[in-house]
Amino acid sequence: MLEVVNGKRTKSNTKRLTRNTAKRLGNKPPRLITSDEYKVYEEAILEAFGEKRVPQRTGRRGRPKKPRYRPPKDLVYATVHKTRVKGRVKKIDYRTVFGTEEQVKSALEQSPCSRKVNTSFIERHNGTDRNRCSRKVRKSYCFSKDWDVHRAATCFSMYSYNFCWAVWTLRRPDGQPGTCTPAMSAGLAEHVWTIEEWLIYPARQ
């Protein structure tokens, strides 16, 4: 889990999410980005990973033109497209937004865990997050009543997941058998951390 933004699904929150994610990745886009067809994602991803171009001033009156963003060659983004008939999903396909069909297929061929454009991973993680944090269980008396506490609980659940939660579908980078956390899979840790170990580890800005 690279980044989480608490709040409603708005344009500003979406841009904040993609901007912070790009920063954590050193502004280098991953091999493939996938999402649903929420329209704001296209603009947000382009601004986060795109090449910014500022139009030259003309010297004329009026507001200057806004900066434009061009997708770099290594930016590959596809969305899941669901065809519904009378409210039921009948077909699931994908649409390439940035990049080419060949780049999408190449990214899927190199993926160790998926051969289709999908949103299954984030949806599965949402279910895991609800299981780990009772404040997010639907129709429950445990729901958060205060935003600050909700944000704190979310960060605790999300980021401890990276280091303290062993995921049976993940594999160690060295191929050795045994439990593996997302941090271990990414090469950021060598063992499953305890909650205490994670909490007292020195923070760095």
C-alpha atoms as a PDB file:
ATOM      1  CA  MET A   1       0.000   0.000   0.000  1.00  0.00           C
ATOM      2  CA  LEU A   2       1.748   3.129  -1.250  1.00  0.00           C
ATOM      3  CA  GLU A   3      -0.678   5.867  -0.289  1.00  0.00           C
ATOM      4  CA  VAL A   4      -4.098   6.427   1.270  1.00  0.00           C
ATOM      5  CA  VAL A   5      -6.253   9.559   1.388  1.00  0.00           C
ATOM      6  CA  ASN A   6      -9.171   9.709   3.789  1.00  0.00           C
ATOM      7  CA  GLY A   7     -12.349  11.385   2.605  1.00  0.00           C
ATOM      8  CA  LYS A   8     -14.900  11.375  -0.161  1.00  0.00           C
ATOM      9  CA  ARG A   9     -14.080  10.413  -3.709  1.00  0.00           C
ATOM     10  CA  THR A  10     -13.573  13.925  -5.037  1.00  0.00           C
ATOM     11  CA  LYS A  11     -11.371  15.510  -7.681  1.00  0.00           C
ATOM     12  CA  SER A  12      -9.053  17.127  -5.132  1.00  0.00           C
ATOM     13  CA  ASN A  13      -8.637  13.918  -3.107  1.00  0.00           C
ATOM     14  CA  THR A  14      -7.986  11.886  -6.258  1.00  0.00           C
ATOM     15  CA  LYS A  15      -5.280  14.305  -7.393  1.00  0.00           C
ATOM     16  CA  ARG A  16      -3.749  14.265  -3.930  1.00  0.00           C
ATOM     17  CA  LEU A  17      -3.687  10.460  -3.986  1.00  0.00           C
ATOM     18  CA  THR A  18      -1.978  10.216  -7.386  1.00  0.00           C
ATOM     19  CA  ARG A  19       0.407  13.098  -6.619  1.00  0.00           C
ATOM     20  CA  ASN A  20       1.588  11.514  -3.352  1.00  0.00           C
ATOM     21  CA  THR A  21       1.870   8.093  -4.993  1.00  0.00           C
ATOM     22  CA  ALA A  22       4.030   9.537  -7.769  1.00  0.00           C
ATOM     23  CA  LYS A  23       6.248  11.189  -5.156  1.00  0.00           C
ATOM     24  CA  ARG A  24       6.760   7.868  -3.342  1.00  0.00           C
ATOM     25  CA  LEU A  25       7.720   6.263  -6.663  1.00  0.00           C
ATOM     26  CA  GLY A  26      10.231   8.990  -7.485  1.00  0.00           C
ATOM     27  CA  ASN A  27       7.826  10.299 -10.177  1.00  0.00           C
ATOM     28  CA  LYS A  28       8.507   7.182 -12.222  1.00  0.00           C
ATOM     29  CA  PRO A  29       5.281   5.505 -13.396  1.00  0.00           C
ATOM     30  CA  PRO A  30       4.833   1.805 -12.602  1.00  0.00           C
ATOM     31  CA  ARG A  31       4.749  -0.726 -15.418  1.00  0.00           C
ATOM     32  CA  LEU A  32       0.943  -0.580 -15.538  1.00  0.00           C
ATOM     33  CA  ILE A  33      -1.732   1.501 -13.802  1.00  0.00           C
ATOM     34  CA  THR A  34      -5.310   0.222 -13.701  1.00  0.00           C
ATOM     35  CA  SER A  35      -8.542   1.625 -12.267  1.00  0.00           C
ATOM     36  CA  ASP A  36     -12.253   1.806 -12.831  1.00  0.00           C
ATOM     37  CA  GLU A  37     -13.685   4.434 -15.194  1.00  0.00           C
ATOM     38  CA  TYR A  38     -13.854   7.296 -12.694  1.00  0.00           C
ATOM     39  CA  LYS A  39     -13.118  10.188 -15.091  1.00  0.00           C
ATOM     40  CA  VAL A  40     -10.946  12.189 -12.689  1.00  0.00           C
ATOM     41  CA  TYR A  41      -8.228   9.516 -12.715  1.00  0.00           C
ATOM     42  CA  GLU A  42      -7.116  10.327 -16.262  1.00  0.00           C
ATOM     43  CA  GLU A  43      -6.430  13.981 -15.469  1.00  0.00           C
ATOM     44  CA  ALA A  44      -4.915  13.189 -12.065  1.00  0.00           C
ATOM     45  CA  ILE A  45      -2.550  10.509 -13.416  1.00  0.00           C
ATOM     46  CA  LEU A  46      -1.476  12.735 -16.296  1.00  0.00           C
ATOM     47  CA  GLU A  47      -0.662  15.614 -13.935  1.00  0.00           C
ATOM     48  CA  ALA A  48       1.170  13.309 -11.500  1.00  0.00           C
ATOM     49  CA  PHE A  49       3.337  11.444 -14.020  1.00  0.00           C
ATOM     50  CA  GLY A  50       3.131  13.584 -17.161  1.00  0.00           C
ATOM     51  CA  GLU A  51       5.620  16.027 -18.634  1.00  0.00           C
ATOM     52  CA  LYS A  52       4.593  19.575 -17.742  1.00  0.00           C
ATOM     53  CA  ARG A  53       4.737  22.191 -20.481  1.00  0.00           C
ATOM     54  CA  VAL A  54       4.116  25.854 -19.724  1.00  0.00           C
ATOM     55  CA  PRO A  55       2.917  27.927 -22.729  1.00  0.00           C
ATOM     56  CA  GLN A  56       5.036  30.953 -23.526  1.00  0.00           C
ATOM     57  CA  ARG A  57       3.655  34.352 -22.604  1.00  0.00           C
ATOM     58  CA  THR A  58       2.261  36.272 -25.570  1.00  0.00           C
ATOM     59  CA  GLY A  59       2.433  39.696 -23.981  1.00  0.00           C
ATOM     60  CA  ARG A  60      -1.262  40.227 -24.608  1.00  0.00           C
ATOM     61  CA  ARG A  61      -3.868  41.041 -22.022  1.00  0.00           C
ATOM     62  CA  GLY A  62      -5.857  38.347 -20.310  1.00  0.00           C
ATOM     63  CA  ARG A  63      -5.113  35.281 -18.302  1.00  0.00           C
ATOM     64  CA  PRO A  64      -2.125  33.202 -19.360  1.00  0.00           C
ATOM     65  CA  LYS A  65      -2.821  29.728 -20.689  1.00  0.00           C
ATOM     66  CA  LYS A  66      -2.716  26.905 -18.183  1.00  0.00           C
ATOM     67  CA  PRO A  67       0.160  24.408 -18.243  1.00  0.00           C
ATOM     68  CA  ARG A  68      -0.359  21.328 -20.370  1.00  0.00           C
ATOM     69  CA  TYR A  69       0.754  17.801 -19.617  1.00  0.00           C
ATOM     70  CA  ARG A  70       2.017  15.239 -22.086  1.00  0.00           C
ATOM     71  CA  PRO A  71       2.062  11.523 -21.181  1.00  0.00           C
ATOM     72  CA  PRO A  72       5.610  10.089 -21.270  1.00  0.00           C
ATOM     73  CA  LYS A  73       6.256   7.027 -23.393  1.00  0.00           C
ATOM     74  CA  ASP A  74       6.489   4.753 -20.353  1.00  0.00           C
ATOM     75  CA  LEU A  75       3.125   5.811 -18.884  1.00  0.00           C
ATOM     76  CA  VAL A  76       0.674   2.927 -19.397  1.00  0.00           C
ATOM     77  CA  TYR A  77      -2.831   3.263 -17.981  1.00  0.00           C
ATOM     78  CA  ALA A  78      -5.916   1.143 -18.660  1.00  0.00           C
ATOM     79  CA  THR A  79      -9.411   1.150 -17.189  1.00  0.00           C
ATOM     80  CA  VAL A  80     -11.822  -1.685 -16.540  1.00  0.00           C
ATOM     81  CA  HIS A  81     -14.976  -1.313 -18.636  1.00  0.00           C
ATOM     82  CA  LYS A  82     -18.109  -3.144 -17.508  1.00  0.00           C
ATOM     83  CA  THR A  83     -21.056  -3.651 -19.829  1.00  0.00           C
ATOM     84  CA  ARG A  84     -24.310  -3.864 -17.878  1.00  0.00           C
ATOM     85  CA  VAL A  85     -27.707  -5.095 -19.009  1.00  0.00           C
ATOM     86  CA  LYS A  86     -30.597  -4.232 -16.676  1.00  0.00           C
ATOM     87  CA  GLY A  87     -28.150  -3.467 -13.899  1.00  0.00           C
ATOM     88  CA  ARG A  88     -26.219  -6.730 -14.201  1.00  0.00           C
ATOM     89  CA  VAL A  89     -22.658  -7.030 -15.473  1.00  0.00           C
ATOM     90  CA  LYS A  90     -22.654  -9.034 -18.698  1.00  0.00           C
ATOM     91  CA  LYS A  91     -19.177  -8.345 -19.992  1.00  0.00           C
ATOM     92  CA  ILE A  92     -15.887  -7.038 -18.599  1.00  0.00           C
ATOM     93  CA  ASP A  93     -13.341  -5.498 -20.936  1.00  0.00           C
ATOM     94  CA  TYR A  94     -10.661  -2.831 -20.707  1.00  0.00           C
ATOM     95  CA  ARG A  95      -9.775   0.412 -22.426  1.00  0.00           C
ATOM     96  CA  THR A  96      -6.269   1.747 -22.938  1.00  0.00           C
ATOM     97  CA  VAL A  97      -6.028   5.401 -21.916  1.00  0.00           C
ATOM     98  CA  PHE A  98      -2.269   6.046 -22.004  1.00  0.00           C
ATOM     99  CA  GLY A  99       0.239   3.905 -23.836  1.00  0.00           C
ATOM    100  CA  THR A 100      -0.439   1.300 -26.495  1.00  0.00           C
ATOM    101  CA  GLU A 101      -2.131  -2.084 -26.620  1.00  0.00           C
ATOM    102  CA  GLU A 102       1.293  -3.670 -27.018  1.00  0.00           C
ATOM    103  CA  GLN A 103       2.550  -1.980 -23.831  1.00  0.00           C
ATOM    104  CA  VAL A 104      -0.491  -3.182 -21.892  1.00  0.00           C
ATOM    105  CA  LYS A 105      -0.050  -6.754 -23.128  1.00  0.00           C
ATOM    106  CA  SER A 106       3.679  -6.649 -22.381  1.00  0.00           C
ATOM    107  CA  ALA A 107       3.032  -5.414 -18.827  1.00  0.00           C
ATOM    108  CA  LEU A 108       0.521  -8.214 -18.250  1.00  0.00           C
ATOM    109  CA  GLU A 109       2.953 -10.819 -19.589  1.00  0.00           C
ATOM    110  CA  GLN A 110       5.613  -9.603 -17.141  1.00  0.00           C
ATOM    111  CA  SER A 111       3.201  -9.565 -14.212  1.00  0.00           C
ATOM    112  CA  PRO A 112       3.787 -12.438 -11.766  1.00  0.00           C
ATOM    113  CA  CYS A 113       0.204 -12.412 -10.503  1.00  0.00           C
ATOM    114  CA  SER A 114      -2.272 -11.375 -13.199  1.00  0.00           C
ATOM    115  CA  ARG A 115      -2.956 -11.733 -16.904  1.00  0.00           C
ATOM    116  CA  LYS A 116      -5.919  -9.345 -17.167  1.00  0.00           C
ATOM    117  CA  VAL A 117      -6.566  -5.657 -16.581  1.00  0.00           C
ATOM    118  CA  ASN A 118      -8.603  -5.597 -13.387  1.00  0.00           C
ATOM    119  CA  THR A 119      -9.243  -3.865 -10.059  1.00  0.00           C
ATOM    120  CA  SER A 120      -9.281  -7.105  -8.072  1.00  0.00           C
ATOM    121  CA  PHE A 121      -6.233  -6.269  -5.978  1.00  0.00           C
ATOM    122  CA  ILE A 122      -7.561  -3.015  -4.534  1.00  0.00           C
ATOM    123  CA  GLU A 123     -11.022  -4.540  -4.063  1.00  0.00           C
ATOM    124  CA  ARG A 124      -9.475  -7.491  -2.206  1.00  0.00           C
ATOM    125  CA  HIS A 125      -7.458  -5.078  -0.083  1.00  0.00           C
ATOM    126  CA  ASN A 126     -10.605  -3.085   0.744  1.00  0.00           C
ATOM    127  CA  GLY A 127     -12.099  -6.278   2.128  1.00  0.00           C
ATOM    128  CA  THR A 128      -8.940  -6.977   4.121  1.00  0.00           C
ATOM    129  CA  ASP A 129      -8.953  -3.425   5.472  1.00  0.00           C
ATOM    130  CA  ARG A 130     -12.548  -3.773   6.679  1.00  0.00           C
ATOM    131  CA  ASN A 131     -11.613  -7.029   8.366  1.00  0.00           C
ATOM    132  CA  ARG A 132      -8.645  -5.394  10.116  1.00  0.00           C
ATOM    133  CA  CYS A 133     -10.413  -2.129  11.011  1.00  0.00           C
ATOM    134  CA  SER A 134     -13.936  -2.501  12.446  1.00  0.00           C
ATOM    135  CA  ARG A 135     -14.589   1.218  11.893  1.00  0.00           C
ATOM    136  CA  LYS A 136     -15.006   0.482   8.179  1.00  0.00           C
ATOM    137  CA  VAL A 137     -17.410  -2.440   8.474  1.00  0.00           C
ATOM    138  CA  ARG A 138     -20.662  -1.539   6.751  1.00  0.00           C
ATOM    139  CA  LYS A 139     -23.822  -1.140   8.828  1.00  0.00           C
ATOM    140  CA  SER A 140     -21.982  -1.391  12.126  1.00  0.00           C
ATOM    141  CA  TYR A 141     -22.155   0.509  15.408  1.00  0.00           C
ATOM    142  CA  CYS A 142     -18.350   0.587  15.308  1.00  0.00           C
ATOM    143  CA  PHE A 143     -18.264   3.248  12.567  1.00  0.00           C
ATOM    144  CA  SER A 144     -16.066   6.303  13.198  1.00  0.00           C
ATOM    145  CA  LYS A 145     -17.698   9.396  14.672  1.00  0.00           C
ATOM    146  CA  ASP A 146     -14.628  11.623  14.399  1.00  0.00           C
ATOM    147  CA  TRP A 147     -12.526  12.283  11.278  1.00  0.00           C
ATOM    148  CA  ASP A 148      -9.208  12.628  13.137  1.00  0.00           C
ATOM    149  CA  VAL A 149      -9.656   9.288  14.873  1.00  0.00           C
ATOM    150  CA  HIS A 150     -10.783   7.719  11.605  1.00  0.00           C
ATOM    151  CA  ARG A 151      -7.657   8.979   9.815  1.00  0.00           C
ATOM    152  CA  ALA A 152      -5.441   7.687  12.617  1.00  0.00           C
ATOM    153  CA  ALA A 153      -7.117   4.261  12.577  1.00  0.00           C
ATOM    154  CA  THR A 154      -6.845   4.128   8.791  1.00  0.00           C
ATOM    155  CA  CYS A 155      -3.123   4.924   8.784  1.00  0.00           C
ATOM    156  CA  PHE A 156      -2.513   2.404  11.551  1.00  0.00           C
ATOM    157  CA  SER A 157      -4.349  -0.328   9.648  1.00  0.00           C
ATOM    158  CA  MET A 158      -3.022   0.504   6.187  1.00  0.00           C
ATOM    159  CA  TYR A 159       0.661   0.945   6.926  1.00  0.00           C
ATOM    160  CA  SER A 160       1.021  -1.785   9.537  1.00  0.00           C
ATOM    161  CA  TYR A 161      -0.374  -4.052   6.811  1.00  0.00           C
ATOM    162  CA  ASN A 162       2.790  -3.463   4.782  1.00  0.00           C
ATOM    163  CA  PHE A 163       5.161  -4.772   7.451  1.00  0.00           C
ATOM    164  CA  CYS A 164       3.131  -6.820   9.950  1.00  0.00           C
ATOM    165  CA  TRP A 165       0.545  -8.701   7.891  1.00  0.00           C
ATOM    166  CA  ALA A 166       1.673 -11.950   6.265  1.00  0.00           C
ATOM    167  CA  VAL A 167      -0.087 -12.512   2.936  1.00  0.00           C
ATOM    168  CA  TRP A 168      -0.156 -16.138   1.824  1.00  0.00           C
ATOM    169  CA  THR A 169      -0.346 -15.243  -1.899  1.00  0.00           C
ATOM    170  CA  LEU A 170       2.944 -13.292  -1.787  1.00  0.00           C
ATOM    171  CA  ARG A 171       6.346 -14.841  -2.373  1.00  0.00           C
ATOM    172  CA  ARG A 172       9.755 -13.835  -1.060  1.00  0.00           C
ATOM    173  CA  PRO A 173      12.044 -12.132  -3.615  1.00  0.00           C
ATOM    174  CA  ASP A 174      14.730 -14.771  -2.983  1.00  0.00           C
ATOM    175  CA  GLY A 175      12.286 -17.592  -3.664  1.00  0.00           C
ATOM    176  CA  GLN A 176      12.678 -19.079  -0.190  1.00  0.00           C
ATOM    177  CA  PRO A 177       9.547 -20.652   1.368  1.00  0.00           C
ATOM    178  CA  GLY A 178       7.809 -19.093   4.356  1.00  0.00           C
ATOM    179  CA  THR A 179       5.476 -16.275   5.296  1.00  0.00           C
ATOM    180  CA  CYS A 180       5.863 -13.012   3.448  1.00  0.00           C
ATOM    181  CA  THR A 181       4.574  -9.473   4.014  1.00  0.00           C
ATOM    182  CA  PRO A 182       4.159  -6.816   1.299  1.00  0.00           C
ATOM    183  CA  ALA A 183       7.308  -5.080   2.617  1.00  0.00           C
ATOM    184  CA  MET A 184       9.275  -8.330   2.371  1.00  0.00           C
ATOM    185  CA  SER A 185       7.995  -8.908  -1.158  1.00  0.00           C
ATOM    186  CA  ALA A 186       9.150  -5.391  -2.099  1.00  0.00           C
ATOM    187  CA  GLY A 187      12.570  -5.970  -0.554  1.00  0.00           C
ATOM    188  CA  LEU A 188      12.026  -3.462   2.287  1.00  0.00           C
ATOM    189  CA  ALA A 189      12.095  -5.966   5.148  1.00  0.00           C
ATOM    190  CA  GLU A 190      13.670  -9.332   5.924  1.00  0.00           C
ATOM    191  CA  HIS A 191      11.114 -10.683   8.396  1.00  0.00           C
ATOM    192  CA  VAL A 192       7.528 -10.224   9.593  1.00  0.00           C
ATOM    193  CA  TRP A 193       7.555  -7.250  11.952  1.00  0.00           C
ATOM    194  CA  THR A 194       5.632  -7.184  15.210  1.00  0.00           C
ATOM    195  CA  ILE A 195       3.267  -4.271  15.874  1.00  0.00           C
ATOM    196  CA  GLU A 196       5.588  -3.073  18.644  1.00  0.00           C
ATOM    197  CA  GLU A 197       8.595  -3.171  16.326  1.00  0.00           C
ATOM    198  CA  TRP A 198       6.721  -1.170  13.689  1.00  0.00           C
ATOM    199  CA  LEU A 199       5.427   1.439  16.151  1.00  0.00           C
ATOM    200  CA  ILE A 200       8.790   2.221  17.754  1.00  0.00           C
ATOM    201  CA  TYR A 201      10.771   2.280  14.511  1.00  0.00           C
ATOM    202  CA  PRO A 202      12.220   5.807  13.987  1.00  0.00           C
ATOM    203  CA  ALA A 203      10.123   7.836  11.534  1.00  0.00           C
ATOM    204  CA  ARG A 204      11.780   9.736   8.709  1.00  0.00           C
ATOM    205  CA  GLN A 205      10.306  12.635   6.711  1.00  0.00           C
END
